[in-house]
Amino acid sequence: KAGTSQKMVLNMLTTGAMTRLGYVYGNLMVNVHP
């Protein structure tokens, strides 16, 4: 349970950071390096 909670918090932080950096368009992560 602690690991799941930690993963959820880290996912929220990274998603927020990527959104603020402008790497998200709609619900898509567009900063993919193919």
PDB file of all heavy atoms in Angstrom:
ATOM      1  N   LYS A   1       0.822  -1.210   0.000  1.00  0.00           N
ATOM      2  CA  LYS A   1       0.000   0.000   0.000  1.00  0.00           C
ATOM      3  C   LYS A   1       0.856   1.261   0.000  1.00  0.00           C
ATOM      4  O   LYS A   1       0.536   2.216  -0.682  1.00  0.00           O
ATOM      5  CB  LYS A   1      -0.941  -0.010   1.198  1.00  0.00           C
ATOM      6  CG  LYS A   1      -2.041  -1.023   1.083  1.00  0.00           C
ATOM      7  CD  LYS A   1      -2.961  -0.958   2.278  1.00  0.00           C
ATOM      8  CE  LYS A   1      -4.025  -2.029   2.168  1.00  0.00           C
ATOM      9  NZ  LYS A   1      -4.911  -2.006   3.326  1.00  0.00           N
ATOM     10  N   ALA A   2       1.940   1.254   0.768  1.00  0.00           N
ATOM     11  CA  ALA A   2       2.816   2.419   0.809  1.00  0.00           C
ATOM     12  C   ALA A   2       3.474   2.643  -0.549  1.00  0.00           C
ATOM     13  O   ALA A   2       3.615   3.778  -1.004  1.00  0.00           O
ATOM     14  CB  ALA A   2       3.877   2.259   1.895  1.00  0.00           C
ATOM     15  N   GLY A   3       3.871   1.568  -1.204  1.00  0.00           N
ATOM     16  CA  GLY A   3       4.487   1.676  -2.528  1.00  0.00           C
ATOM     17  C   GLY A   3       3.514   2.214  -3.552  1.00  0.00           C
ATOM     18  O   GLY A   3       3.873   3.032  -4.404  1.00  0.00           O
ATOM     19  N   THR A   4       2.267   1.768  -3.487  1.00  0.00           N
ATOM     20  CA  THR A   4       1.237   2.246  -4.402  1.00  0.00           C
ATOM     21  C   THR A   4       0.986   3.735  -4.179  1.00  0.00           C
ATOM     22  O   THR A   4       0.881   4.505  -5.133  1.00  0.00           O
ATOM     23  CB  THR A   4      -0.064   1.450  -4.203  1.00  0.00           C
ATOM     24  OG1 THR A   4       0.203   0.070  -4.446  1.00  0.00           O
ATOM     25  CG2 THR A   4      -1.143   1.918  -5.160  1.00  0.00           C
ATOM     26  N   SER A   5       0.904   4.139  -2.925  1.00  0.00           N
ATOM     27  CA  SER A   5       0.690   5.553  -2.610  1.00  0.00           C
ATOM     28  C   SER A   5       1.845   6.407  -3.111  1.00  0.00           C
ATOM     29  O   SER A   5       1.648   7.478  -3.675  1.00  0.00           O
ATOM     30  CB  SER A   5       0.542   5.745  -1.099  1.00  0.00           C
ATOM     31  OG  SER A   5      -0.578   5.046  -0.633  1.00  0.00           O
ATOM     32  N   GLN A   6       3.055   5.911  -2.893  1.00  0.00           N
ATOM     33  CA  GLN A   6       4.236   6.643  -3.339  1.00  0.00           C
ATOM     34  C   GLN A   6       4.228   6.791  -4.854  1.00  0.00           C
ATOM     35  O   GLN A   6       4.493   7.868  -5.387  1.00  0.00           O
ATOM     36  CB  GLN A   6       5.502   5.924  -2.887  1.00  0.00           C
ATOM     37  CG  GLN A   6       6.769   6.636  -3.265  1.00  0.00           C
ATOM     38  CD  GLN A   6       8.012   5.892  -2.807  1.00  0.00           C
ATOM     39  OE1 GLN A   6       7.976   4.709  -2.501  1.00  0.00           O
ATOM     40  NE2 GLN A   6       9.126   6.598  -2.766  1.00  0.00           N
ATOM     41  N   LYS A   7       3.878   5.736  -5.555  1.00  0.00           N
ATOM     42  CA  LYS A   7       3.836   5.784  -7.017  1.00  0.00           C
ATOM     43  C   LYS A   7       2.781   6.786  -7.497  1.00  0.00           C
ATOM     44  O   LYS A   7       3.020   7.549  -8.439  1.00  0.00           O
ATOM     45  CB  LYS A   7       3.538   4.399  -7.587  1.00  0.00           C
ATOM     46  CG  LYS A   7       3.513   4.373  -9.097  1.00  0.00           C
ATOM     47  CD  LYS A   7       3.288   3.001  -9.645  1.00  0.00           C
ATOM     48  CE  LYS A   7       3.243   3.092 -11.155  1.00  0.00           C
ATOM     49  NZ  LYS A   7       2.983   1.822 -11.780  1.00  0.00           N
ATOM     50  N   MET A   8       1.626   6.804  -6.848  1.00  0.00           N
ATOM     51  CA  MET A   8       0.576   7.751  -7.236  1.00  0.00           C
ATOM     52  C   MET A   8       1.030   9.194  -7.046  1.00  0.00           C
ATOM     53  O   MET A   8       0.806  10.040  -7.911  1.00  0.00           O
ATOM     54  CB  MET A   8      -0.692   7.485  -6.429  1.00  0.00           C
ATOM     55  CG  MET A   8      -1.444   6.241  -6.847  1.00  0.00           C
ATOM     56  SD  MET A   8      -2.870   5.884  -5.807  1.00  0.00           S
ATOM     57  CE  MET A   8      -3.770   7.398  -5.904  1.00  0.00           C
ATOM     58  N   VAL A   9       1.691   9.469  -5.935  1.00  0.00           N
ATOM     59  CA  VAL A   9       2.171  10.830  -5.667  1.00  0.00           C
ATOM     60  C   VAL A   9       3.233  11.227  -6.680  1.00  0.00           C
ATOM     61  O   VAL A   9       3.203  12.338  -7.230  1.00  0.00           O
ATOM     62  CB  VAL A   9       2.701  10.942  -4.225  1.00  0.00           C
ATOM     63  CG1 VAL A   9       3.428  12.260  -4.013  1.00  0.00           C
ATOM     64  CG2 VAL A   9       1.558  10.805  -3.234  1.00  0.00           C
ATOM     65  N   LEU A  10       4.165  10.329  -6.967  1.00  0.00           N
ATOM     66  CA  LEU A  10       5.214  10.640  -7.949  1.00  0.00           C
ATOM     67  C   LEU A  10       4.622  10.849  -9.340  1.00  0.00           C
ATOM     68  O   LEU A  10       5.064  11.736 -10.077  1.00  0.00           O
ATOM     69  CB  LEU A  10       6.274   9.549  -7.958  1.00  0.00           C
ATOM     70  CG  LEU A  10       7.160   9.495  -6.716  1.00  0.00           C
ATOM     71  CD1 LEU A  10       8.064   8.265  -6.761  1.00  0.00           C
ATOM     72  CD2 LEU A  10       7.979  10.759  -6.571  1.00  0.00           C
ATOM     73  N   ASN A  11       3.630  10.056  -9.716  1.00  0.00           N
ATOM     74  CA  ASN A  11       2.968  10.233 -11.011  1.00  0.00           C
ATOM     75  C   ASN A  11       2.278  11.593 -11.084  1.00  0.00           C
ATOM     76  O   ASN A  11       2.338  12.272 -12.110  1.00  0.00           O
ATOM     77  CB  ASN A  11       1.959   9.119 -11.261  1.00  0.00           C
ATOM     78  CG  ASN A  11       2.605   7.834 -11.713  1.00  0.00           C
ATOM     79  OD1 ASN A  11       3.754   7.819 -12.142  1.00  0.00           O
ATOM     80  ND2 ASN A  11       1.878   6.745 -11.605  1.00  0.00           N
ATOM     81  N   MET A  12       1.635  12.011 -10.000  1.00  0.00           N
ATOM     82  CA  MET A  12       0.976  13.319  -9.984  1.00  0.00           C
ATOM     83  C   MET A  12       1.999  14.443 -10.127  1.00  0.00           C
ATOM     84  O   MET A  12       1.780  15.405 -10.867  1.00  0.00           O
ATOM     85  CB  MET A  12       0.166  13.500  -8.705  1.00  0.00           C
ATOM     86  CG  MET A  12      -1.073  12.647  -8.657  1.00  0.00           C
ATOM     87  SD  MET A  12      -2.199  12.938  -7.269  1.00  0.00           S
ATOM     88  CE  MET A  12      -1.154  13.312  -5.908  1.00  0.00           C
ATOM     89  N   LEU A  13       3.119  14.318  -9.425  1.00  0.00           N
ATOM     90  CA  LEU A  13       4.154  15.353  -9.503  1.00  0.00           C
ATOM     91  C   LEU A  13       4.746  15.447 -10.907  1.00  0.00           C
ATOM     92  O   LEU A  13       4.902  16.547 -11.446  1.00  0.00           O
ATOM     93  CB  LEU A  13       5.265  15.075  -8.489  1.00  0.00           C
ATOM     94  CG  LEU A  13       4.912  15.304  -7.027  1.00  0.00           C
ATOM     95  CD1 LEU A  13       6.025  14.789  -6.127  1.00  0.00           C
ATOM     96  CD2 LEU A  13       4.647  16.772  -6.771  1.00  0.00           C
ATOM     97  N   THR A  14       5.091  14.314 -11.483  1.00  0.00           N
ATOM     98  CA  THR A  14       5.707  14.348 -12.814  1.00  0.00           C
ATOM     99  C   THR A  14       4.705  14.800 -13.866  1.00  0.00           C
ATOM    100  O   THR A  14       5.066  15.537 -14.786  1.00  0.00           O
ATOM    101  CB  THR A  14       6.315  12.990 -13.202  1.00  0.00           C
ATOM    102  OG1 THR A  14       5.312  11.981 -13.130  1.00  0.00           O
ATOM    103  CG2 THR A  14       7.477  12.627 -12.304  1.00  0.00           C
ATOM    104  N   THR A  15       3.450  14.393 -13.743  1.00  0.00           N
ATOM    105  CA  THR A  15       2.436  14.843 -14.697  1.00  0.00           C
ATOM    106  C   THR A  15       2.263  16.350 -14.609  1.00  0.00           C
ATOM    107  O   THR A  15       2.189  17.039 -15.632  1.00  0.00           O
ATOM    108  CB  THR A  15       1.098  14.127 -14.435  1.00  0.00           C
ATOM    109  OG1 THR A  15       1.284  12.720 -14.599  1.00  0.00           O
ATOM    110  CG2 THR A  15       0.022  14.599 -15.392  1.00  0.00           C
ATOM    111  N   GLY A  16       2.224  16.880 -13.389  1.00  0.00           N
ATOM    112  CA  GLY A  16       2.115  18.328 -13.212  1.00  0.00           C
ATOM    113  C   GLY A  16       3.305  19.068 -13.791  1.00  0.00           C
ATOM    114  O   GLY A  16       3.157  20.098 -14.443  1.00  0.00           O
ATOM    115  N   ALA A  17       4.492  18.526 -13.569  1.00  0.00           N
ATOM    116  CA  ALA A  17       5.705  19.164 -14.097  1.00  0.00           C
ATOM    117  C   ALA A  17       5.700  19.154 -15.626  1.00  0.00           C
ATOM    118  O   ALA A  17       6.019  20.166 -16.263  1.00  0.00           O
ATOM    119  CB  ALA A  17       6.946  18.455 -13.570  1.00  0.00           C
ATOM    120  N   MET A  18       5.335  18.029 -16.221  1.00  0.00           N
ATOM    121  CA  MET A  18       5.307  17.935 -17.686  1.00  0.00           C
ATOM    122  C   MET A  18       4.258  18.875 -18.272  1.00  0.00           C
ATOM    123  O   MET A  18       4.477  19.479 -19.325  1.00  0.00           O
ATOM    124  CB  MET A  18       5.031  16.496 -18.128  1.00  0.00           C
ATOM    125  CG  MET A  18       6.118  15.530 -17.776  1.00  0.00           C
ATOM    126  SD  MET A  18       7.672  15.992 -18.570  1.00  0.00           S
ATOM    127  CE  MET A  18       8.826  15.182 -17.513  1.00  0.00           C
ATOM    128  N   THR A  19       3.149  19.025 -17.588  1.00  0.00           N
ATOM    129  CA  THR A  19       2.107  19.937 -18.059  1.00  0.00           C
ATOM    130  C   THR A  19       2.595  21.379 -18.004  1.00  0.00           C
ATOM    131  O   THR A  19       2.424  22.143 -18.950  1.00  0.00           O
ATOM    132  CB  THR A  19       0.832  19.768 -17.201  1.00  0.00           C
ATOM    133  OG1 THR A  19       0.406  18.412 -17.297  1.00  0.00           O
ATOM    134  CG2 THR A  19      -0.277  20.685 -17.678  1.00  0.00           C
ATOM    135  N   ARG A  20       3.227  21.761 -16.898  1.00  0.00           N
ATOM    136  CA  ARG A  20       3.737  23.133 -16.765  1.00  0.00           C
ATOM    137  C   ARG A  20       4.838  23.438 -17.778  1.00  0.00           C
ATOM    138  O   ARG A  20       4.985  24.574 -18.222  1.00  0.00           O
ATOM    139  CB  ARG A  20       4.237  23.382 -15.355  1.00  0.00           C
ATOM    140  CG  ARG A  20       3.104  23.485 -14.345  1.00  0.00           C
ATOM    141  CD  ARG A  20       3.601  23.832 -12.971  1.00  0.00           C
ATOM    142  NE  ARG A  20       4.262  25.112 -12.929  1.00  0.00           N
ATOM    143  CZ  ARG A  20       3.695  26.254 -12.581  1.00  0.00           C
ATOM    144  NH1 ARG A  20       2.423  26.272 -12.266  1.00  0.00           N
ATOM    145  NH2 ARG A  20       4.391  27.367 -12.536  1.00  0.00           N
ATOM    146  N   LEU A  21       5.617  22.431 -18.143  1.00  0.00           N
ATOM    147  CA  LEU A  21       6.682  22.623 -19.131  1.00  0.00           C
ATOM    148  C   LEU A  21       6.132  22.703 -20.559  1.00  0.00           C
ATOM    149  O   LEU A  21       6.859  23.051 -21.482  1.00  0.00           O
ATOM    150  CB  LEU A  21       7.706  21.489 -19.038  1.00  0.00           C
ATOM    151  CG  LEU A  21       8.596  21.509 -17.806  1.00  0.00           C
ATOM    152  CD1 LEU A  21       9.377  20.207 -17.689  1.00  0.00           C
ATOM    153  CD2 LEU A  21       9.545  22.699 -17.865  1.00  0.00           C
ATOM    154  N   GLY A  22       4.859  22.355 -20.736  1.00  0.00           N
ATOM    155  CA  GLY A  22       4.252  22.425 -22.063  1.00  0.00           C
ATOM    156  C   GLY A  22       4.468  21.174 -22.885  1.00  0.00           C
ATOM    157  O   GLY A  22       4.349  21.203 -24.101  1.00  0.00           O
ATOM    158  N   TYR A  23       4.768  20.076 -22.227  1.00  0.00           N
ATOM    159  CA  TYR A  23       5.009  18.819 -22.931  1.00  0.00           C
ATOM    160  C   TYR A  23       3.740  18.000 -23.127  1.00  0.00           C
ATOM    161  O   TYR A  23       3.785  16.902 -23.650  1.00  0.00           O
ATOM    162  CB  TYR A  23       6.014  17.961 -22.167  1.00  0.00           C
ATOM    163  CG  TYR A  23       7.405  18.543 -22.067  1.00  0.00           C
ATOM    164  CD1 TYR A  23       8.313  18.018 -21.172  1.00  0.00           C
ATOM    165  CD2 TYR A  23       7.820  19.597 -22.863  1.00  0.00           C
ATOM    166  CE1 TYR A  23       9.596  18.526 -21.067  1.00  0.00           C
ATOM    167  CE2 TYR A  23       9.089  20.119 -22.764  1.00  0.00           C
ATOM    168  CZ  TYR A  23       9.969  19.579 -21.861  1.00  0.00           C
ATOM    169  OH  TYR A  23      11.237  20.078 -21.759  1.00  0.00           O
ATOM    170  N   VAL A  24       2.600  18.553 -22.703  1.00  0.00           N
ATOM    171  CA  VAL A  24       1.324  17.856 -22.791  1.00  0.00           C
ATOM    172  C   VAL A  24       0.400  18.670 -23.680  1.00  0.00           C
ATOM    173  O   VAL A  24       0.326  19.899 -23.576  1.00  0.00           O
ATOM    174  CB  VAL A  24       0.707  17.689 -21.383  1.00  0.00           C
ATOM    175  CG1 VAL A  24      -0.672  17.065 -21.467  1.00  0.00           C
ATOM    176  CG2 VAL A  24       1.622  16.859 -20.502  1.00  0.00           C
ATOM    177  N   TYR A  25      -0.307  17.980 -24.552  1.00  0.00           N
ATOM    178  CA  TYR A  25      -1.318  18.627 -25.389  1.00  0.00           C
ATOM    179  C   TYR A  25      -2.580  17.790 -25.254  1.00  0.00           C
ATOM    180  O   TYR A  25      -2.592  16.622 -25.621  1.00  0.00           O
ATOM    181  CB  TYR A  25      -0.866  18.718 -26.843  1.00  0.00           C
ATOM    182  CG  TYR A  25      -1.838  19.469 -27.706  1.00  0.00           C
ATOM    183  CD1 TYR A  25      -1.871  20.853 -27.689  1.00  0.00           C
ATOM    184  CD2 TYR A  25      -2.733  18.797 -28.515  1.00  0.00           C
ATOM    185  CE1 TYR A  25      -2.774  21.557 -28.464  1.00  0.00           C
ATOM    186  CE2 TYR A  25      -3.643  19.493 -29.296  1.00  0.00           C
ATOM    187  CZ  TYR A  25      -3.657  20.867 -29.267  1.00  0.00           C
ATOM    188  OH  TYR A  25      -4.554  21.561 -30.032  1.00  0.00           O
ATOM    189  N   GLY A  26      -3.622  18.390 -24.715  1.00  0.00           N
ATOM    190  CA  GLY A  26      -4.818  17.610 -24.404  1.00  0.00           C
ATOM    191  C   GLY A  26      -4.452  16.610 -23.322  1.00  0.00           C
ATOM    192  O   GLY A  26      -3.903  16.971 -22.287  1.00  0.00           O
ATOM    193  N   ASN A  27      -4.707  15.351 -23.575  1.00  0.00           N
ATOM    194  CA  ASN A  27      -4.319  14.320 -22.616  1.00  0.00           C
ATOM    195  C   ASN A  27      -3.155  13.485 -23.149  1.00  0.00           C
ATOM    196  O   ASN A  27      -2.959  12.346 -22.739  1.00  0.00           O
ATOM    197  CB  ASN A  27      -5.509  13.421 -22.280  1.00  0.00           C
ATOM    198  CG  ASN A  27      -5.993  12.638 -23.485  1.00  0.00           C
ATOM    199  OD1 ASN A  27      -5.699  12.979 -24.618  1.00  0.00           O
ATOM    200  ND2 ASN A  27      -6.746  11.595 -23.245  1.00  0.00           N
ATOM    201  N   LEU A  28      -2.383  14.064 -24.052  1.00  0.00           N
ATOM    202  CA  LEU A  28      -1.280  13.340 -24.699  1.00  0.00           C
ATOM    203  C   LEU A  28       0.069  13.947 -24.337  1.00  0.00           C
ATOM    204  O   LEU A  28       0.244  15.165 -24.375  1.00  0.00           O
ATOM    205  CB  LEU A  28      -1.444  13.398 -26.227  1.00  0.00           C
ATOM    206  CG  LEU A  28      -2.719  12.786 -26.788  1.00  0.00           C
ATOM    207  CD1 LEU A  28      -2.879  13.191 -28.246  1.00  0.00           C
ATOM    208  CD2 LEU A  28      -2.689  11.283 -26.644  1.00  0.00           C
ATOM    209  N   MET A  29       1.017  13.091 -24.014  1.00  0.00           N
ATOM    210  CA  MET A  29       2.394  13.522 -23.784  1.00  0.00           C
ATOM    211  C   MET A  29       3.036  13.656 -25.166  1.00  0.00           C
ATOM    212  O   MET A  29       3.290  12.655 -25.838  1.00  0.00           O
ATOM    213  CB  MET A  29       3.141  12.498 -22.941  1.00  0.00           C
ATOM    214  CG  MET A  29       4.572  12.849 -22.679  1.00  0.00           C
ATOM    215  SD  MET A  29       4.814  14.262 -21.615  1.00  0.00           S
ATOM    216  CE  MET A  29       4.277  13.578 -20.075  1.00  0.00           C
ATOM    217  N   VAL A  30       3.292  14.878 -25.593  1.00  0.00           N
ATOM    218  CA  VAL A  30       3.769  15.107 -26.956  1.00  0.00           C
ATOM    219  C   VAL A  30       5.281  15.268 -27.044  1.00  0.00           C
ATOM    220  O   VAL A  30       5.818  15.401 -28.139  1.00  0.00           O
ATOM    221  CB  VAL A  30       3.073  16.329 -27.609  1.00  0.00           C
ATOM    222  CG1 VAL A  30       1.598  16.069 -27.786  1.00  0.00           C
ATOM    223  CG2 VAL A  30       3.317  17.587 -26.821  1.00  0.00           C
ATOM    224  N   ASN A  31       5.963  15.226 -25.927  1.00  0.00           N
ATOM    225  CA  ASN A  31       7.415  15.375 -25.957  1.00  0.00           C
ATOM    226  C   ASN A  31       8.085  14.008 -26.060  1.00  0.00           C
ATOM    227  O   ASN A  31       8.936  13.653 -25.269  1.00  0.00           O
ATOM    228  CB  ASN A  31       7.896  16.143 -24.729  1.00  0.00           C
ATOM    229  CG  ASN A  31       9.277  16.707 -24.937  1.00  0.00           C
ATOM    230  OD1 ASN A  31       9.634  17.067 -26.052  1.00  0.00           O
ATOM    231  ND2 ASN A  31      10.059  16.780 -23.887  1.00  0.00           N
ATOM    232  N   VAL A  32       7.665  13.242 -27.055  1.00  0.00           N
ATOM    233  CA  VAL A  32       8.220  11.916 -27.313  1.00  0.00           C
ATOM    234  C   VAL A  32       9.448  12.073 -28.201  1.00  0.00           C
ATOM    235  O   VAL A  32       9.409  12.814 -29.181  1.00  0.00           O
ATOM    236  CB  VAL A  32       7.176  11.025 -28.033  1.00  0.00           C
ATOM    237  CG1 VAL A  32       7.740   9.673 -28.370  1.00  0.00           C
ATOM    238  CG2 VAL A  32       5.922  10.903 -27.204  1.00  0.00           C
ATOM    239  N   HIS A  33      10.524  11.404 -27.853  1.00  0.00           N
ATOM    240  CA  HIS A  33      11.726  11.421 -28.681  1.00  0.00           C
ATOM    241  C   HIS A  33      11.826  10.073 -29.387  1.00  0.00           C
ATOM    242  O   HIS A  33      12.319   9.107 -28.812  1.00  0.00           O
ATOM    243  CB  HIS A  33      12.974  11.680 -27.826  1.00  0.00           C
ATOM    244  CG  HIS A  33      12.935  12.985 -27.123  1.00  0.00           C
ATOM    245  ND1 HIS A  33      13.170  14.182 -27.758  1.00  0.00           N
ATOM    246  CD2 HIS A  33      12.638  13.312 -25.849  1.00  0.00           C
ATOM    247  CE1 HIS A  33      13.045  15.171 -26.903  1.00  0.00           C
ATOM    248  NE2 HIS A  33      12.710  14.665 -25.735  1.00  0.00           N
ATOM    249  N   PRO A  34      11.350  10.001 -30.641  1.00  0.00           N
ATOM    250  CA  PRO A  34      11.266   8.712 -31.335  1.00  0.00           C
ATOM    251  C   PRO A  34      12.644   8.196 -31.765  1.00  0.00           C
ATOM    252  O   PRO A  34      13.116   8.477 -32.850  1.00  0.00           O
ATOM    253  CB  PRO A  34      10.363   9.007 -32.529  1.00  0.00           C
ATOM    254  CG  PRO A  34      10.467  10.463 -32.747  1.00  0.00           C
ATOM    255  CD  PRO A  34      10.774  11.080 -31.425  1.00  0.00           C
TER     256      PRO A  34
END
